Amino acid sequence: FAPTPPPSSHPPPWRAPAASPTQIAQIVEQEFPTYDGDKNGDLNETEFGAWMKKLRAATDPSADVESAEVKTWIGQAFASADGDKSGAVNKTELTGFLSRGA
């Protein structure tokens, strides 16, 4: 039996209606250039954060995406998504991260 999460915790935005890994890969392929501000093929934490704020706002309209809670969550999400610990998230890492739903 799993404990009930505290009321302030919100499900991560990538737990929205489940998309298949193929659908996630297509979305990443389409949307990635929009957030890759310096066009280097990777998202730094700021670029990644912009995308996560948009996802959070879309799945939880009441969330204050500028709150300390959301900024902490974005930092944790970035650390989790940056699988090779390079300080940037590439398309493969982002697709894997979103597909895990973790």
N, C-alpha and C. Protein backbone atom coordinates (compact mmCIF):
# COMPACT_ATOMS: atom_id res chain seq x y z
N PHE A 1 0.84 -1.16 0.00
CA PHE A 1 0.00 0.00 0.00
C PHE A 1 0.89 1.22 0.00
N ALA A 2 0.56 2.17 -0.85
CA ALA A 2 1.39 3.38 -1.00
C ALA A 2 0.77 4.50 -0.19
N PRO A 3 1.60 5.25 0.52
CA PRO A 3 1.05 6.40 1.27
C PRO A 3 0.50 7.45 0.32
N THR A 4 -0.49 8.16 0.79
CA THR A 4 -1.08 9.22 -0.01
C THR A 4 -0.11 10.40 -0.04
N PRO A 5 0.19 10.92 -1.22
CA PRO A 5 1.11 12.06 -1.27
C PRO A 5 0.47 13.28 -0.63
N PRO A 6 1.29 14.18 -0.11
CA PRO A 6 0.73 15.40 0.48
C PRO A 6 -0.01 16.20 -0.58
N PRO A 7 -1.03 16.95 -0.16
CA PRO A 7 -1.85 17.70 -1.13
C PRO A 7 -1.06 18.64 -2.00
N SER A 8 0.09 19.13 -1.53
CA SER A 8 0.85 20.09 -2.33
C SER A 8 1.61 19.43 -3.47
N SER A 9 1.70 18.10 -3.45
CA SER A 9 2.45 17.47 -4.54
C SER A 9 1.53 17.26 -5.73
N HIS A 10 2.05 17.58 -6.87
CA HIS A 10 1.31 17.44 -8.11
C HIS A 10 1.98 16.38 -8.95
N PRO A 11 1.21 15.63 -9.73
CA PRO A 11 1.87 14.65 -10.59
C PRO A 11 2.75 15.37 -11.60
N PRO A 12 3.88 14.78 -11.93
CA PRO A 12 4.73 15.41 -12.94
C PRO A 12 3.96 15.58 -14.25
N PRO A 13 4.28 16.62 -15.01
CA PRO A 13 3.50 16.91 -16.22
C PRO A 13 3.59 15.82 -17.26
N TRP A 14 4.68 15.06 -17.26
CA TRP A 14 4.78 14.03 -18.28
C TRP A 14 3.93 12.82 -17.94
N ARG A 15 3.19 12.87 -16.82
CA ARG A 15 2.27 11.79 -16.49
C ARG A 15 0.86 12.12 -16.97
N ALA A 16 0.77 13.05 -17.86
CA ALA A 16 -0.51 13.38 -18.47
C ALA A 16 -0.97 12.12 -19.21
N PRO A 17 -2.09 12.16 -19.91
CA PRO A 17 -2.52 10.95 -20.60
C PRO A 17 -1.32 10.30 -21.29
N ALA A 18 -1.16 9.04 -21.00
CA ALA A 18 0.05 8.34 -21.43
C ALA A 18 0.22 8.38 -22.94
N ALA A 19 1.34 8.88 -23.34
CA ALA A 19 1.71 8.86 -24.75
C ALA A 19 2.68 7.70 -24.93
N SER A 20 2.65 7.13 -26.09
CA SER A 20 3.58 6.03 -26.36
C SER A 20 4.98 6.59 -26.56
N PRO A 21 6.02 5.77 -26.36
CA PRO A 21 7.38 6.25 -26.62
C PRO A 21 7.54 6.83 -28.03
N THR A 22 6.84 6.26 -29.00
CA THR A 22 6.92 6.78 -30.36
C THR A 22 6.32 8.18 -30.44
N GLN A 23 5.17 8.37 -29.78
CA GLN A 23 4.55 9.70 -29.78
C GLN A 23 5.45 10.71 -29.06
N ILE A 24 6.04 10.30 -27.96
CA ILE A 24 6.93 11.19 -27.22
C ILE A 24 8.12 11.57 -28.10
N ALA A 25 8.70 10.60 -28.78
CA ALA A 25 9.84 10.87 -29.67
C ALA A 25 9.45 11.87 -30.76
N GLN A 26 8.24 11.73 -31.30
CA GLN A 26 7.78 12.65 -32.34
C GLN A 26 7.62 14.07 -31.79
N ILE A 27 7.06 14.17 -30.58
CA ILE A 27 6.88 15.48 -29.96
C ILE A 27 8.24 16.12 -29.69
N VAL A 28 9.18 15.34 -29.14
CA VAL A 28 10.52 15.86 -28.88
C VAL A 28 11.16 16.34 -30.18
N GLU A 29 11.04 15.54 -31.23
CA GLU A 29 11.63 15.90 -32.52
C GLU A 29 11.05 17.21 -33.04
N GLN A 30 9.73 17.39 -32.89
CA GLN A 30 9.06 18.59 -33.40
C GLN A 30 9.34 19.82 -32.53
N GLU A 31 9.30 19.64 -31.21
CA GLU A 31 9.37 20.78 -30.30
C GLU A 31 10.79 21.17 -29.89
N PHE A 32 11.74 20.24 -29.95
CA PHE A 32 13.10 20.49 -29.46
C PHE A 32 13.71 21.77 -30.02
N PRO A 33 13.63 22.00 -31.35
CA PRO A 33 14.25 23.22 -31.90
C PRO A 33 13.66 24.51 -31.32
N THR A 34 12.40 24.46 -30.89
CA THR A 34 11.76 25.63 -30.31
C THR A 34 12.44 26.05 -29.02
N TYR A 35 12.91 25.07 -28.26
CA TYR A 35 13.50 25.35 -26.94
C TYR A 35 15.02 25.41 -26.97
N ASP A 36 15.63 24.90 -28.02
CA ASP A 36 17.09 24.91 -28.14
C ASP A 36 17.52 26.29 -28.63
N GLY A 37 17.52 27.25 -27.70
CA GLY A 37 17.75 28.65 -28.05
C GLY A 37 19.07 28.91 -28.74
N ASP A 38 20.13 28.21 -28.33
CA ASP A 38 21.43 28.45 -28.96
C ASP A 38 21.70 27.50 -30.12
N LYS A 39 20.72 26.68 -30.43
CA LYS A 39 20.76 25.76 -31.59
C LYS A 39 21.99 24.86 -31.59
N ASN A 40 22.41 24.41 -30.39
CA ASN A 40 23.58 23.53 -30.32
C ASN A 40 23.23 22.05 -30.24
N GLY A 41 21.93 21.74 -30.30
CA GLY A 41 21.52 20.34 -30.28
C GLY A 41 21.30 19.77 -28.90
N ASP A 42 21.52 20.58 -27.87
CA ASP A 42 21.29 20.18 -26.49
C ASP A 42 20.50 21.27 -25.79
N LEU A 43 19.79 20.89 -24.73
CA LEU A 43 19.11 21.88 -23.91
C LEU A 43 19.92 22.08 -22.63
N ASN A 44 20.28 23.34 -22.36
CA ASN A 44 20.89 23.61 -21.06
C ASN A 44 19.75 23.69 -20.04
N GLU A 45 20.09 23.92 -18.79
CA GLU A 45 19.04 23.88 -17.77
C GLU A 45 17.99 24.96 -17.98
N THR A 46 18.38 26.13 -18.47
CA THR A 46 17.43 27.20 -18.72
C THR A 46 16.47 26.82 -19.85
N GLU A 47 17.01 26.28 -20.93
CA GLU A 47 16.17 25.86 -22.07
C GLU A 47 15.23 24.73 -21.66
N PHE A 48 15.78 23.76 -20.94
CA PHE A 48 14.99 22.63 -20.44
C PHE A 48 13.89 23.15 -19.52
N GLY A 49 14.25 24.09 -18.64
CA GLY A 49 13.29 24.64 -17.70
C GLY A 49 12.13 25.33 -18.39
N ALA A 50 12.40 26.03 -19.48
CA ALA A 50 11.33 26.70 -20.22
C ALA A 50 10.32 25.68 -20.73
N TRP A 51 10.82 24.55 -21.22
CA TRP A 51 9.94 23.50 -21.73
C TRP A 51 9.14 22.88 -20.59
N MET A 52 9.80 22.60 -19.47
CA MET A 52 9.12 21.98 -18.34
C MET A 52 8.06 22.92 -17.75
N LYS A 53 8.34 24.23 -17.73
CA LYS A 53 7.34 25.19 -17.25
C LYS A 53 6.10 25.15 -18.12
N LYS A 54 6.31 25.07 -19.43
CA LYS A 54 5.17 25.01 -20.36
C LYS A 54 4.37 23.73 -20.11
N LEU A 55 5.06 22.61 -19.94
CA LEU A 55 4.36 21.35 -19.66
C LEU A 55 3.61 21.43 -18.35
N ARG A 56 4.25 21.99 -17.34
CA ARG A 56 3.62 22.08 -16.01
C ARG A 56 2.38 22.95 -16.08
N ALA A 57 2.48 24.09 -16.76
CA ALA A 57 1.33 24.99 -16.88
C ALA A 57 0.19 24.34 -17.66
N ALA A 58 0.54 23.53 -18.65
CA ALA A 58 -0.48 22.88 -19.47
C ALA A 58 -1.22 21.79 -18.67
N THR A 59 -0.50 21.10 -17.79
CA THR A 59 -1.11 20.00 -17.06
C THR A 59 -1.65 20.43 -15.69
N ASP A 60 -1.19 21.56 -15.19
CA ASP A 60 -1.62 22.05 -13.88
C ASP A 60 -1.75 23.57 -13.95
N PRO A 61 -2.86 24.06 -14.55
CA PRO A 61 -3.01 25.51 -14.76
C PRO A 61 -2.91 26.33 -13.48
N SER A 62 -3.15 25.72 -12.33
CA SER A 62 -3.09 26.47 -11.07
C SER A 62 -1.65 26.60 -10.56
N ALA A 63 -0.72 25.89 -11.17
CA ALA A 63 0.68 25.93 -10.70
C ALA A 63 1.31 27.28 -11.00
N ASP A 64 2.07 27.78 -10.06
CA ASP A 64 2.85 28.99 -10.27
C ASP A 64 4.22 28.54 -10.77
N VAL A 65 4.43 28.60 -12.08
CA VAL A 65 5.66 28.06 -12.67
C VAL A 65 6.91 28.85 -12.27
N GLU A 66 6.72 29.99 -11.64
CA GLU A 66 7.87 30.76 -11.15
C GLU A 66 8.11 30.53 -9.65
N SER A 67 7.34 29.64 -9.04
CA SER A 67 7.50 29.40 -7.60
C SER A 67 8.79 28.63 -7.32
N ALA A 68 9.25 28.76 -6.09
CA ALA A 68 10.45 28.03 -5.68
C ALA A 68 10.24 26.53 -5.81
N GLU A 69 9.02 26.08 -5.50
CA GLU A 69 8.71 24.65 -5.59
C GLU A 69 8.90 24.14 -7.02
N VAL A 70 8.36 24.86 -7.98
CA VAL A 70 8.48 24.44 -9.38
C VAL A 70 9.93 24.54 -9.84
N LYS A 71 10.64 25.58 -9.42
CA LYS A 71 12.04 25.71 -9.82
C LYS A 71 12.88 24.57 -9.25
N THR A 72 12.59 24.16 -8.02
CA THR A 72 13.29 23.02 -7.43
C THR A 72 12.97 21.76 -8.21
N TRP A 73 11.70 21.58 -8.53
CA TRP A 73 11.26 20.42 -9.30
C TRP A 73 11.96 20.38 -10.67
N ILE A 74 12.07 21.53 -11.32
CA ILE A 74 12.75 21.60 -12.63
C ILE A 74 14.21 21.19 -12.49
N GLY A 75 14.87 21.68 -11.45
CA GLY A 75 16.26 21.31 -11.21
C GLY A 75 16.42 19.81 -11.03
N GLN A 76 15.52 19.21 -10.27
CA GLN A 76 15.57 17.76 -10.06
C GLN A 76 15.27 17.02 -11.36
N ALA A 77 14.31 17.53 -12.13
CA ALA A 77 13.97 16.91 -13.41
C ALA A 77 15.16 16.98 -14.37
N PHE A 78 15.83 18.13 -14.40
CA PHE A 78 16.99 18.30 -15.28
C PHE A 78 18.08 17.32 -14.89
N ALA A 79 18.36 17.20 -13.60
CA ALA A 79 19.40 16.28 -13.12
C ALA A 79 19.05 14.85 -13.51
N SER A 80 17.78 14.51 -13.42
CA SER A 80 17.34 13.16 -13.78
C SER A 80 17.42 12.94 -15.29
N ALA A 81 17.06 13.95 -16.06
CA ALA A 81 17.06 13.81 -17.52
C ALA A 81 18.48 13.77 -18.09
N ASP A 82 19.41 14.46 -17.45
CA ASP A 82 20.80 14.55 -17.93
C ASP A 82 21.53 13.25 -17.58
N GLY A 83 21.23 12.21 -18.34
CA GLY A 83 21.74 10.88 -18.03
C GLY A 83 23.25 10.76 -18.02
N ASP A 84 23.93 11.46 -18.90
CA ASP A 84 25.40 11.36 -18.96
C ASP A 84 26.09 12.43 -18.11
N LYS A 85 25.29 13.24 -17.41
CA LYS A 85 25.80 14.28 -16.51
C LYS A 85 26.73 15.26 -17.23
N SER A 86 26.35 15.59 -18.48
CA SER A 86 27.14 16.51 -19.29
C SER A 86 26.77 17.97 -19.04
N GLY A 87 25.71 18.19 -18.29
CA GLY A 87 25.24 19.56 -18.07
C GLY A 87 24.28 20.03 -19.14
N ALA A 88 23.86 19.09 -20.00
CA ALA A 88 22.90 19.40 -21.06
C ALA A 88 22.08 18.15 -21.33
N VAL A 89 20.90 18.35 -21.90
CA VAL A 89 20.00 17.25 -22.22
C VAL A 89 19.81 17.21 -23.74
N ASN A 90 20.14 16.08 -24.35
CA ASN A 90 19.94 15.95 -25.79
C ASN A 90 18.58 15.30 -26.06
N LYS A 91 18.24 15.16 -27.33
CA LYS A 91 16.94 14.61 -27.69
C LYS A 91 16.75 13.20 -27.14
N THR A 92 17.79 12.39 -27.21
CA THR A 92 17.69 11.00 -26.73
C THR A 92 17.42 10.98 -25.23
N GLU A 93 18.16 11.80 -24.49
CA GLU A 93 17.97 11.86 -23.03
C GLU A 93 16.57 12.37 -22.69
N LEU A 94 16.12 13.40 -23.40
CA LEU A 94 14.81 13.97 -23.13
C LEU A 94 13.71 12.96 -23.45
N THR A 95 13.82 12.28 -24.56
CA THR A 95 12.82 11.28 -24.94
C THR A 95 12.78 10.17 -23.88
N GLY A 96 13.94 9.71 -23.45
CA GLY A 96 14.00 8.68 -22.43
C GLY A 96 13.39 9.15 -21.12
N PHE A 97 13.72 10.37 -20.73
CA PHE A 97 13.21 10.95 -19.49
C PHE A 97 11.68 11.04 -19.52
N LEU A 98 11.14 11.58 -20.60
CA LEU A 98 9.69 11.73 -20.70
C LEU A 98 9.00 10.37 -20.84
N SER A 99 9.65 9.42 -21.46
CA SER A 99 9.07 8.09 -21.62
C SER A 99 9.02 7.33 -20.30
N ARG A 100 10.00 7.60 -19.42
CA ARG A 100 10.03 6.93 -18.11
C ARG A 100 8.87 7.38 -17.25
N GLY A 101 8.50 8.62 -17.40
CA GLY A 101 7.45 9.16 -16.54
C GLY A 101 7.90 9.22 -15.10
N ALA A 102 9.20 9.44 -14.90
CA ALA A 102 9.73 9.44 -13.53
C ALA A 102 10.21 10.81 -13.15
